[in-house]
Amino acid sequence: MAEACYGALKSGWGPRRITELTAMTADVTVLPVDAETIEQVAQLRNACRKAGHALHQPVHNADLWISGAALRWDIPLVAHDAVFVGCPGLVLRTEVLA
């Protein structure tokens, strides 16, 4: 949710589009960050470091948490950001693979 809100702010969305985003995400369940999620993120960062995958780099910290949460909760990640391609263990659903 933070990434979606940041993207809207960064892009300079106006009140109408912000309202649409709020309505579209009103029923979204935000998953809790628990001890298992923290452990999964740490394990994933280490796996990415060993594999030479970009998600281990500090600049991708938010993306690391997103993918770590998807792995922790055993759900596919729907994203169109190429940084997720090849992430160890991640099931990625996307229309754009670069």
Protein backbone atom coordinates (compact mmCIF):
# COMPACT_ATOMS: atom_id res chain seq x y z
CA MET A 1 0.00 0.00 0.00
CA ALA A 2 2.85 2.36 0.78
CA GLU A 3 4.34 1.79 -2.67
CA ALA A 4 0.99 2.57 -4.35
CA CYS A 5 0.52 5.73 -2.29
CA TYR A 6 4.09 6.85 -2.91
CA GLY A 7 3.70 6.27 -6.64
CA ALA A 8 0.60 8.45 -6.67
CA LEU A 9 2.34 11.22 -4.74
CA LYS A 10 5.48 11.00 -6.86
CA SER A 11 3.41 11.23 -10.04
CA GLY A 12 1.52 14.25 -8.75
CA TRP A 13 -1.90 12.65 -8.84
CA GLY A 14 -4.76 15.02 -8.21
CA PRO A 15 -7.62 14.59 -5.74
CA ARG A 16 -9.80 12.62 -8.18
CA ARG A 17 -7.17 9.96 -8.86
CA ILE A 18 -6.22 9.77 -5.17
CA THR A 19 -9.89 9.19 -4.35
CA GLU A 20 -10.05 6.45 -7.01
CA LEU A 21 -6.97 4.77 -5.55
CA THR A 22 -8.47 4.95 -2.06
CA ALA A 23 -11.73 3.42 -3.29
CA MET A 24 -9.94 0.72 -5.29
CA THR A 25 -7.86 -0.33 -2.28
CA ALA A 26 -10.51 0.08 0.42
CA ASP A 27 -11.10 -3.66 0.74
CA VAL A 28 -7.43 -4.67 0.52
CA THR A 29 -6.15 -6.70 3.43
CA VAL A 30 -2.81 -5.41 4.64
CA LEU A 31 -0.78 -8.35 5.88
CA PRO A 32 0.88 -7.99 9.28
CA VAL A 33 4.63 -7.85 9.68
CA ASP A 34 5.28 -10.62 12.18
CA ALA A 35 8.39 -12.50 13.27
CA GLU A 36 7.99 -14.98 10.41
CA THR A 37 7.84 -12.16 7.86
CA ILE A 38 10.97 -10.58 9.32
CA GLU A 39 12.80 -13.92 9.14
CA GLN A 40 11.60 -14.48 5.56
CA VAL A 41 12.83 -11.05 4.48
CA ALA A 42 16.24 -11.69 6.05
CA GLN A 43 16.47 -15.12 4.41
CA LEU A 44 15.40 -13.70 1.05
CA ARG A 45 17.90 -10.87 1.19
CA ASN A 46 20.67 -13.35 1.89
CA ALA A 47 19.50 -15.65 -0.92
CA CYS A 48 19.40 -12.69 -3.31
CA ARG A 49 22.89 -11.62 -2.24
CA LYS A 50 24.24 -15.10 -2.88
CA ALA A 51 22.48 -15.28 -6.26
CA GLY A 52 23.58 -11.81 -7.31
CA HIS A 53 19.96 -10.66 -7.51
CA ALA A 54 19.38 -6.92 -7.15
CA LEU A 55 16.81 -7.24 -4.35
CA HIS A 56 19.59 -7.57 -1.77
CA GLN A 57 20.71 -3.99 -2.46
CA PRO A 58 19.52 -1.28 -0.01
CA VAL A 59 17.93 0.73 -2.84
CA HIS A 60 15.41 -2.13 -3.27
CA ASN A 61 14.50 -2.42 0.42
CA ALA A 62 10.77 -1.78 -0.09
CA ASP A 63 10.65 -4.31 -2.94
CA LEU A 64 12.49 -6.82 -0.76
CA TRP A 65 9.81 -6.49 1.92
CA ILE A 66 7.04 -6.84 -0.66
CA SER A 67 8.53 -10.00 -2.11
CA GLY A 68 9.42 -11.35 1.33
CA ALA A 69 5.83 -10.90 2.47
CA ALA A 70 4.56 -12.70 -0.63
CA LEU A 71 6.87 -15.61 0.15
CA ARG A 72 5.98 -15.63 3.86
CA TRP A 73 2.24 -15.74 3.14
CA ASP A 74 2.71 -18.11 0.16
CA ILE A 75 0.94 -15.88 -2.33
CA PRO A 76 1.96 -14.79 -5.83
CA LEU A 77 3.21 -11.27 -6.30
CA VAL A 78 1.45 -9.19 -8.93
CA ALA A 79 3.89 -6.54 -10.11
CA HIS A 80 5.22 -4.97 -13.27
CA ASP A 81 8.68 -4.07 -11.96
CA ALA A 82 11.53 -6.00 -13.55
CA VAL A 83 13.44 -6.10 -10.25
CA PHE A 84 11.23 -9.02 -9.16
CA VAL A 85 12.11 -11.18 -12.17
CA GLY A 86 14.25 -14.11 -11.07
CA CYS A 87 13.73 -13.50 -7.35
CA PRO A 88 14.49 -16.82 -5.61
CA GLY A 89 11.29 -18.72 -4.81
CA LEU A 90 8.92 -15.92 -5.82
CA VAL A 91 5.86 -16.62 -7.95
CA LEU A 92 5.55 -13.49 -10.07
CA ARG A 93 2.43 -12.59 -12.02
CA THR A 94 3.05 -9.82 -14.50
CA GLU A 95 2.25 -8.66 -18.00
CA VAL A 96 5.70 -7.14 -18.46
CA LEU A 97 8.81 -9.25 -18.03
CA ALA A 98 12.06 -7.47 -18.76
